[in-house]
Amino acid sequence: MIWTAEREDLVAMVRAVFVVEESVDQLRATLAVRDSPGGCRYRRLPDVSQRAVATMNADYARWIRVDAEANRQPWIASQPWSTLAARVIDAAGLTA
């Protein structure tokens, strides 16, 4: 899309919130139950490799959080999942 002054209304509608999970144990549990090709590949890995994958994901999540904080961008922890949608809405500034 080409930026034009007439489309400034779209900018006001765009929001981003980074959702991060920094717990290696939680990431391992989540990856282990994924019903996807990636989940199947993860389950076939030896334990040491599963831990390495989860650790890499946790490190990446920490990097995202630190960078978001440095740039004053909203982020939230992924847990608890039961309140995730409400917390995203709140962090995006969409609450009344």
N, C-alpha and C. Protein backbone atom coordinates (compact mmCIF):
# COMPACT_ATOMS: atom_id res chain seq x y z
N MET A 1 0.84 -1.17 0.00
CA MET A 1 0.00 0.00 0.00
C MET A 1 0.88 1.24 0.00
N ILE A 2 0.53 2.20 -0.79
CA ILE A 2 1.25 3.47 -0.86
C ILE A 2 0.66 4.41 0.19
N TRP A 3 1.53 5.04 0.96
CA TRP A 3 1.08 5.96 2.00
C TRP A 3 0.53 7.24 1.37
N THR A 4 -0.66 7.61 1.80
CA THR A 4 -1.24 8.89 1.40
C THR A 4 -1.89 9.52 2.61
N ALA A 5 -2.03 10.82 2.57
CA ALA A 5 -2.65 11.53 3.70
C ALA A 5 -4.07 11.04 3.94
N GLU A 6 -4.76 10.59 2.90
CA GLU A 6 -6.14 10.12 3.06
C GLU A 6 -6.21 8.84 3.89
N ARG A 7 -5.11 8.13 4.03
CA ARG A 7 -5.11 6.86 4.75
C ARG A 7 -4.58 6.98 6.17
N GLU A 8 -4.46 8.20 6.68
CA GLU A 8 -4.00 8.37 8.06
C GLU A 8 -4.93 7.70 9.05
N ASP A 9 -6.21 7.51 8.67
CA ASP A 9 -7.15 6.84 9.55
C ASP A 9 -6.70 5.40 9.84
N LEU A 10 -5.99 4.77 8.92
CA LEU A 10 -5.51 3.41 9.15
C LEU A 10 -4.44 3.38 10.23
N VAL A 11 -3.60 4.38 10.29
CA VAL A 11 -2.54 4.42 11.29
C VAL A 11 -3.13 4.43 12.68
N ALA A 12 -4.18 5.13 12.89
CA ALA A 12 -4.81 5.20 14.21
C ALA A 12 -5.38 3.85 14.63
N MET A 13 -5.61 2.96 13.69
CA MET A 13 -6.21 1.66 14.01
C MET A 13 -5.16 0.59 14.31
N VAL A 14 -3.91 0.81 13.97
CA VAL A 14 -2.88 -0.21 14.12
C VAL A 14 -2.34 -0.20 15.55
N ARG A 15 -2.29 -1.39 16.17
CA ARG A 15 -1.74 -1.55 17.50
C ARG A 15 -0.88 -2.82 17.50
N ALA A 16 0.15 -2.82 18.31
CA ALA A 16 1.00 -4.00 18.47
C ALA A 16 1.30 -4.21 19.94
N VAL A 17 1.29 -5.45 20.34
CA VAL A 17 1.67 -5.83 21.69
C VAL A 17 2.52 -7.10 21.56
N PHE A 18 3.69 -7.09 22.15
CA PHE A 18 4.55 -8.27 22.12
C PHE A 18 4.14 -9.21 23.26
N VAL A 19 3.91 -10.45 22.94
CA VAL A 19 3.56 -11.47 23.93
C VAL A 19 4.79 -12.36 24.09
N VAL A 20 5.31 -12.42 25.31
CA VAL A 20 6.56 -13.16 25.53
C VAL A 20 6.38 -14.27 26.57
N GLU A 21 7.08 -15.36 26.34
CA GLU A 21 7.15 -16.47 27.30
C GLU A 21 8.62 -16.73 27.54
N GLU A 22 9.07 -16.48 28.78
CA GLU A 22 10.48 -16.63 29.11
C GLU A 22 10.79 -17.89 29.91
N SER A 23 9.79 -18.68 30.23
CA SER A 23 10.01 -19.89 31.01
C SER A 23 10.36 -21.06 30.10
N VAL A 24 11.56 -21.60 30.29
CA VAL A 24 11.99 -22.75 29.49
C VAL A 24 11.05 -23.92 29.72
N ASP A 25 10.65 -24.16 30.97
CA ASP A 25 9.75 -25.28 31.27
C ASP A 25 8.40 -25.10 30.58
N GLN A 26 7.85 -23.90 30.60
CA GLN A 26 6.57 -23.66 29.94
C GLN A 26 6.70 -23.83 28.44
N LEU A 27 7.78 -23.33 27.88
CA LEU A 27 8.00 -23.50 26.44
C LEU A 27 8.13 -24.97 26.07
N ARG A 28 8.85 -25.74 26.88
CA ARG A 28 8.98 -27.18 26.61
C ARG A 28 7.62 -27.85 26.65
N ALA A 29 6.81 -27.52 27.63
CA ALA A 29 5.48 -28.14 27.74
C ALA A 29 4.61 -27.76 26.55
N THR A 30 4.66 -26.51 26.16
CA THR A 30 3.84 -26.05 25.03
C THR A 30 4.29 -26.69 23.72
N LEU A 31 5.59 -26.71 23.49
CA LEU A 31 6.11 -27.31 22.26
C LEU A 31 5.79 -28.80 22.18
N ALA A 32 5.79 -29.47 23.32
CA ALA A 32 5.57 -30.91 23.35
C ALA A 32 4.15 -31.31 22.98
N VAL A 33 3.19 -30.40 23.15
CA VAL A 33 1.80 -30.76 22.85
C VAL A 33 1.27 -30.12 21.58
N ARG A 34 2.11 -29.41 20.87
CA ARG A 34 1.66 -28.78 19.62
C ARG A 34 1.25 -29.84 18.62
N ASP A 35 0.08 -29.64 18.04
CA ASP A 35 -0.43 -30.54 17.01
C ASP A 35 -0.12 -29.94 15.65
N SER A 36 1.17 -29.97 15.30
CA SER A 36 1.63 -29.38 14.04
C SER A 36 2.88 -30.13 13.60
N PRO A 37 3.29 -29.92 12.36
CA PRO A 37 4.55 -30.55 11.94
C PRO A 37 5.73 -30.16 12.84
N GLY A 38 5.76 -28.90 13.27
CA GLY A 38 6.83 -28.47 14.16
C GLY A 38 6.79 -29.19 15.49
N GLY A 39 5.59 -29.40 16.02
CA GLY A 39 5.45 -30.13 17.27
C GLY A 39 5.91 -31.57 17.13
N CYS A 40 5.59 -32.18 16.01
CA CYS A 40 6.03 -33.56 15.76
C CYS A 40 7.55 -33.63 15.69
N ARG A 41 8.16 -32.68 15.01
CA ARG A 41 9.63 -32.65 14.92
C ARG A 41 10.24 -32.45 16.30
N TYR A 42 9.64 -31.55 17.09
CA TYR A 42 10.16 -31.27 18.42
C TYR A 42 10.13 -32.54 19.29
N ARG A 43 9.03 -33.27 19.25
CA ARG A 43 8.90 -34.48 20.07
C ARG A 43 9.89 -35.57 19.67
N ARG A 44 10.36 -35.56 18.44
CA ARG A 44 11.33 -36.57 17.99
C ARG A 44 12.76 -36.22 18.41
N LEU A 45 12.98 -35.01 18.86
CA LEU A 45 14.33 -34.60 19.28
C LEU A 45 14.71 -35.27 20.61
N PRO A 46 16.00 -35.54 20.81
CA PRO A 46 16.43 -36.02 22.12
C PRO A 46 16.22 -34.92 23.17
N ASP A 47 16.14 -35.33 24.42
CA ASP A 47 15.83 -34.40 25.51
C ASP A 47 16.77 -33.19 25.53
N VAL A 48 18.06 -33.43 25.34
CA VAL A 48 19.02 -32.32 25.38
C VAL A 48 18.73 -31.32 24.27
N SER A 49 18.30 -31.79 23.12
CA SER A 49 17.98 -30.89 22.01
C SER A 49 16.66 -30.16 22.27
N GLN A 50 15.70 -30.85 22.88
CA GLN A 50 14.44 -30.18 23.23
C GLN A 50 14.71 -29.03 24.19
N ARG A 51 15.55 -29.28 25.18
CA ARG A 51 15.89 -28.22 26.13
C ARG A 51 16.60 -27.06 25.43
N ALA A 52 17.48 -27.37 24.48
CA ALA A 52 18.20 -26.32 23.76
C ALA A 52 17.24 -25.47 22.93
N VAL A 53 16.26 -26.11 22.29
CA VAL A 53 15.27 -25.37 21.51
C VAL A 53 14.47 -24.45 22.42
N ALA A 54 14.00 -24.97 23.54
CA ALA A 54 13.20 -24.16 24.47
C ALA A 54 14.03 -23.03 25.06
N THR A 55 15.30 -23.29 25.38
CA THR A 55 16.18 -22.25 25.91
C THR A 55 16.40 -21.15 24.87
N MET A 56 16.60 -21.54 23.62
CA MET A 56 16.77 -20.56 22.55
C MET A 56 15.51 -19.69 22.43
N ASN A 57 14.34 -20.31 22.51
CA ASN A 57 13.09 -19.54 22.43
C ASN A 57 12.94 -18.60 23.63
N ALA A 58 13.31 -19.05 24.81
CA ALA A 58 13.25 -18.20 26.00
C ALA A 58 14.22 -17.02 25.87
N ASP A 59 15.41 -17.29 25.37
CA ASP A 59 16.38 -16.20 25.16
C ASP A 59 15.85 -15.18 24.16
N TYR A 60 15.22 -15.67 23.10
CA TYR A 60 14.64 -14.77 22.09
C TYR A 60 13.52 -13.94 22.72
N ALA A 61 12.70 -14.56 23.55
CA ALA A 61 11.61 -13.84 24.22
C ALA A 61 12.17 -12.73 25.12
N ARG A 62 13.25 -13.04 25.83
CA ARG A 62 13.88 -12.01 26.68
C ARG A 62 14.40 -10.86 25.82
N TRP A 63 15.01 -11.17 24.70
CA TRP A 63 15.52 -10.14 23.79
C TRP A 63 14.37 -9.27 23.30
N ILE A 64 13.25 -9.89 22.92
CA ILE A 64 12.07 -9.14 22.47
C ILE A 64 11.59 -8.21 23.58
N ARG A 65 11.49 -8.73 24.82
CA ARG A 65 11.01 -7.92 25.94
C ARG A 65 11.94 -6.73 26.20
N VAL A 66 13.24 -6.99 26.26
CA VAL A 66 14.21 -5.92 26.53
C VAL A 66 14.15 -4.86 25.44
N ASP A 67 14.07 -5.30 24.19
CA ASP A 67 14.01 -4.35 23.08
C ASP A 67 12.70 -3.56 23.10
N ALA A 68 11.61 -4.25 23.43
CA ALA A 68 10.32 -3.54 23.52
C ALA A 68 10.38 -2.48 24.62
N GLU A 69 10.94 -2.85 25.78
CA GLU A 69 11.06 -1.88 26.87
C GLU A 69 11.94 -0.70 26.46
N ALA A 70 13.05 -0.97 25.80
CA ALA A 70 13.97 0.09 25.38
C ALA A 70 13.32 1.05 24.39
N ASN A 71 12.37 0.53 23.62
CA ASN A 71 11.68 1.35 22.62
C ASN A 71 10.27 1.76 23.04
N ARG A 72 9.99 1.59 24.33
CA ARG A 72 8.69 1.95 24.92
C ARG A 72 7.52 1.35 24.15
N GLN A 73 7.67 0.07 23.80
CA GLN A 73 6.61 -0.66 23.13
C GLN A 73 5.95 -1.59 24.15
N PRO A 74 4.64 -1.78 24.04
CA PRO A 74 3.96 -2.63 25.02
C PRO A 74 4.30 -4.11 24.83
N TRP A 75 4.44 -4.80 25.95
CA TRP A 75 4.64 -6.24 25.94
C TRP A 75 3.94 -6.81 27.16
N ILE A 76 3.58 -8.08 27.07
CA ILE A 76 2.97 -8.77 28.20
C ILE A 76 3.52 -10.19 28.26
N ALA A 77 3.47 -10.76 29.45
CA ALA A 77 3.83 -12.17 29.62
C ALA A 77 2.69 -13.02 29.05
N SER A 78 3.03 -14.16 28.52
CA SER A 78 2.00 -15.00 27.90
C SER A 78 1.08 -15.65 28.93
N GLN A 79 1.55 -15.78 30.15
CA GLN A 79 0.76 -16.43 31.19
C GLN A 79 0.11 -15.40 32.10
N PRO A 80 -1.04 -15.63 32.63
CA PRO A 80 -1.90 -16.80 32.40
C PRO A 80 -2.66 -16.67 31.08
N TRP A 81 -2.78 -17.79 30.39
CA TRP A 81 -3.45 -17.79 29.10
C TRP A 81 -4.92 -17.40 29.21
N SER A 82 -5.53 -17.70 30.34
CA SER A 82 -6.97 -17.42 30.49
C SER A 82 -7.29 -15.93 30.42
N THR A 83 -6.31 -15.07 30.68
CA THR A 83 -6.55 -13.62 30.64
C THR A 83 -5.78 -12.95 29.51
N LEU A 84 -5.21 -13.73 28.61
CA LEU A 84 -4.34 -13.18 27.57
C LEU A 84 -5.06 -12.14 26.71
N ALA A 85 -6.24 -12.47 26.22
CA ALA A 85 -6.96 -11.54 25.33
C ALA A 85 -7.23 -10.20 26.03
N ALA A 86 -7.69 -10.25 27.25
CA ALA A 86 -7.98 -9.02 27.99
C ALA A 86 -6.72 -8.21 28.23
N ARG A 87 -5.61 -8.89 28.52
CA ARG A 87 -4.35 -8.19 28.78
C ARG A 87 -3.79 -7.57 27.51
N VAL A 88 -3.97 -8.24 26.36
CA VAL A 88 -3.54 -7.65 25.09
C VAL A 88 -4.34 -6.39 24.80
N ILE A 89 -5.64 -6.47 24.97
CA ILE A 89 -6.51 -5.31 24.73
C ILE A 89 -6.09 -4.15 25.63
N ASP A 90 -5.83 -4.45 26.89
CA ASP A 90 -5.42 -3.41 27.84
C ASP A 90 -4.06 -2.81 27.45
N ALA A 91 -3.08 -3.68 27.14
CA ALA A 91 -1.74 -3.20 26.80
C ALA A 91 -1.74 -2.39 25.50
N ALA A 92 -2.67 -2.70 24.61
CA ALA A 92 -2.77 -1.96 23.35
C ALA A 92 -3.49 -0.64 23.53
N GLY A 93 -4.00 -0.41 24.72
CA GLY A 93 -4.71 0.84 24.99
C GLY A 93 -6.09 0.89 24.38
N LEU A 94 -6.71 -0.27 24.25
CA LEU A 94 -8.03 -0.34 23.62
C LEU A 94 -9.16 -0.43 24.62
N THR A 95 -8.86 -0.33 25.90
CA THR A 95 -9.92 -0.37 26.91
C THR A 95 -10.56 0.99 27.04
N ALA A 96 -11.80 0.96 27.44
CA ALA A 96 -12.54 2.22 27.57
C ALA A 96 -12.14 2.97 28.80
